[in-house]
C-alpha atoms as a PDB file:
ATOM      1  CA  UNK A   1     -72.685 215.261  89.930  1.00  0.00           C
ATOM      2  CA  UNK A   2     -75.362 217.349  88.272  1.00  0.00           C
ATOM      3  CA  UNK A   3     -75.771 217.446  84.504  1.00  0.00           C
ATOM      4  CA  UNK A   4     -75.112 220.648  82.590  1.00  0.00           C
ATOM      5  CA  UNK A   5     -77.702 223.389  82.920  1.00  0.00           C
ATOM      6  CA  UNK A   6     -79.865 223.887  79.842  1.00  0.00           C
ATOM      7  CA  UNK A   7     -82.057 226.686  78.596  1.00  0.00           C
ATOM      8  CA  UNK A   8     -85.066 225.287  76.814  1.00  0.00           C
ATOM      9  CA  UNK A   9     -87.182 227.674  74.753  1.00  0.00           C
ATOM     10  CA  UNK A  10     -90.308 226.779  72.838  1.00  0.00           C
ATOM     11  CA  UNK A  11     -91.079 230.436  72.189  1.00  0.00           C
ATOM     12  CA  UNK A  12     -89.664 233.703  73.437  1.00  0.00           C
ATOM     13  CA  UNK A  13     -92.288 233.790  76.178  1.00  0.00           C
ATOM     14  CA  UNK A  14     -91.835 230.237  77.445  1.00  0.00           C
ATOM     15  CA  UNK A  15     -88.180 229.726  78.314  1.00  0.00           C
ATOM     16  CA  UNK A  16     -87.046 227.669  81.242  1.00  0.00           C
ATOM     17  CA  UNK A  17     -83.716 226.578  82.667  1.00  0.00           C
ATOM     18  CA  UNK A  18     -83.140 222.963  83.523  1.00  0.00           C
ATOM     19  CA  UNK A  19     -80.684 221.500  86.015  1.00  0.00           C
ATOM     20  CA  UNK A  20     -80.888 217.748  86.210  1.00  0.00           C
ATOM     21  CA  UNK A  21     -84.565 216.800  86.310  1.00  0.00           C
ATOM     22  CA  UNK A  22     -85.730 220.192  87.588  1.00  0.00           C
ATOM     23  CA  UNK A  23     -86.770 223.113  85.414  1.00  0.00           C
ATOM     24  CA  UNK A  24     -87.241 226.736  86.365  1.00  0.00           C
ATOM     25  CA  UNK A  25     -88.983 229.615  84.550  1.00  0.00           C
ATOM     26  CA  UNK A  26     -86.772 232.296  83.035  1.00  0.00           C
ATOM     27  CA  UNK A  27     -88.296 235.063  85.176  1.00  0.00           C
ATOM     28  CA  UNK A  28     -87.641 233.105  88.383  1.00  0.00           C
ATOM     29  CA  UNK A  29     -84.015 232.538  87.330  1.00  0.00           C
ATOM     30  CA  UNK A  30     -83.631 236.287  86.693  1.00  0.00           C
ATOM     31  CA  UNK A  31     -84.955 237.010  90.206  1.00  0.00           C
ATOM     32  CA  UNK A  32     -82.582 234.415  91.661  1.00  0.00           C
ATOM     33  CA  UNK A  33     -79.639 236.075  89.909  1.00  0.00           C
ATOM     34  CA  UNK A  34     -80.650 239.467  91.321  1.00  0.00           C
ATOM     35  CA  UNK A  35     -80.833 238.012  94.832  1.00  0.00           C
ATOM     36  CA  UNK A  36     -77.445 236.333  94.398  1.00  0.00           C
ATOM     37  CA  UNK A  37     -75.975 239.660  93.260  1.00  0.00           C
ATOM     38  CA  UNK A  38     -77.448 241.430  96.307  1.00  0.00           C
ATOM     39  CA  UNK A  39     -75.170 239.302  98.491  1.00  0.00           C
ATOM     40  CA  UNK A  40     -71.993 240.832  97.075  1.00  0.00           C
ATOM     41  CA  UNK A  41     -70.559 241.131 100.591  1.00  0.00           C
ATOM     42  CA  UNK A  42     -70.343 237.314 100.685  1.00  0.00           C
ATOM     43  CA  UNK A  43     -67.330 235.841  98.945  1.00  0.00           C
ATOM     44  CA  UNK A  44     -68.251 234.052  95.702  1.00  0.00           C
ATOM     45  CA  UNK A  45     -66.036 231.209  96.910  1.00  0.00           C
ATOM     46  CA  UNK A  46     -68.426 230.559  99.803  1.00  0.00           C
ATOM     47  CA  UNK A  47     -71.255 229.049  97.757  1.00  0.00           C
ATOM     48  CA  UNK A  48     -72.818 227.410 100.805  1.00  0.00           C
ATOM     49  CA  UNK A  49     -73.046 230.702 102.724  1.00  0.00           C
ATOM     50  CA  UNK A  50     -74.368 232.560  99.675  1.00  0.00           C
ATOM     51  CA  UNK A  51     -76.987 229.861  98.977  1.00  0.00           C
ATOM     52  CA  UNK A  52     -78.118 229.849 102.610  1.00  0.00           C
ATOM     53  CA  UNK A  53     -78.502 233.629 102.526  1.00  0.00           C
ATOM     54  CA  UNK A  54     -80.504 233.542  99.287  1.00  0.00           C
ATOM     55  CA  UNK A  55     -82.708 230.691 100.546  1.00  0.00           C
ATOM     56  CA  UNK A  56     -83.522 232.689 103.681  1.00  0.00           C
ATOM     57  CA  UNK A  57     -84.590 235.711 101.612  1.00  0.00           C
ATOM     58  CA  UNK A  58     -88.398 236.106 101.577  1.00  0.00           C
ATOM     59  CA  UNK A  59     -88.188 237.501  98.014  1.00  0.00           C
ATOM     60  CA  UNK A  60     -86.908 234.183  96.649  1.00  0.00           C
ATOM     61  CA  UNK A  61     -89.452 232.771  94.157  1.00  0.00           C
ATOM     62  CA  UNK A  62     -91.344 229.811  95.598  1.00  0.00           C
ATOM     63  CA  UNK A  63     -90.185 227.551  92.770  1.00  0.00           C
ATOM     64  CA  UNK A  64     -86.747 227.445  94.459  1.00  0.00           C
ATOM     65  CA  UNK A  65     -87.975 226.414  97.936  1.00  0.00           C
ATOM     66  CA  UNK A  66     -87.640 222.661  97.226  1.00  0.00           C
ATOM     67  CA  UNK A  67     -84.103 223.301  95.942  1.00  0.00           C
ATOM     68  CA  UNK A  68     -83.233 225.146  99.153  1.00  0.00           C
ATOM     69  CA  UNK A  69     -84.233 222.100 101.164  1.00  0.00           C
ATOM     70  CA  UNK A  70     -82.250 219.668  99.012  1.00  0.00           C
ATOM     71  CA  UNK A  71     -78.707 218.338  99.291  1.00  0.00           C
ATOM     72  CA  UNK A  72     -77.634 219.842  95.957  1.00  0.00           C
ATOM     73  CA  UNK A  73     -78.825 223.347  96.850  1.00  0.00           C
ATOM     74  CA  UNK A  74     -75.465 225.069  96.482  1.00  0.00           C
ATOM     75  CA  UNK A  75     -74.664 223.541  93.093  1.00  0.00           C
ATOM     76  CA  UNK A  76     -78.137 224.097  91.597  1.00  0.00           C
ATOM     77  CA  UNK A  77     -78.361 227.746  92.676  1.00  0.00           C
ATOM     78  CA  UNK A  78     -74.805 228.440  91.514  1.00  0.00           C
ATOM     79  CA  UNK A  79     -75.441 226.934  88.077  1.00  0.00           C
ATOM     80  CA  UNK A  80     -78.662 228.898  87.632  1.00  0.00           C
ATOM     81  CA  UNK A  81     -77.101 232.181  88.735  1.00  0.00           C
ATOM     82  CA  UNK A  82     -74.052 231.904  86.446  1.00  0.00           C
ATOM     83  CA  UNK A  83     -75.199 232.009  82.815  1.00  0.00           C
ATOM     84  CA  UNK A  84     -71.669 231.505  81.479  1.00  0.00           C
ATOM     85  CA  UNK A  85     -72.122 227.836  82.377  1.00  0.00           C
ATOM     86  CA  UNK A  86     -75.409 227.434  80.513  1.00  0.00           C
ATOM     87  CA  UNK A  87     -76.006 225.641  77.251  1.00  0.00           C
ATOM     88  CA  UNK A  88     -78.763 227.177  75.167  1.00  0.00           C
ATOM     89  CA  UNK A  89     -80.901 224.768  73.178  1.00  0.00           C
ATOM     90  CA  UNK A  90     -83.286 226.267  70.662  1.00  0.00           C
END
């Protein structure tokens, strides 16, 4: 089970999202969300299919490549792409 996703901001320009022990820059998370939204033809209930599609996209920021190769890929990408599940720490 992964811990809750966090948004850590030191300044407006240096925000990152953290899932477990991994952190991701705000801009990369925004790009991930856009890619996840591009796959609207895939049911949101099929997280594995959606994650596989996003991981195969050449526009995916390189910071997510290790996630795509990991066992928790589906959960990590889902948590990052759904801001309603984020806790903001300032």
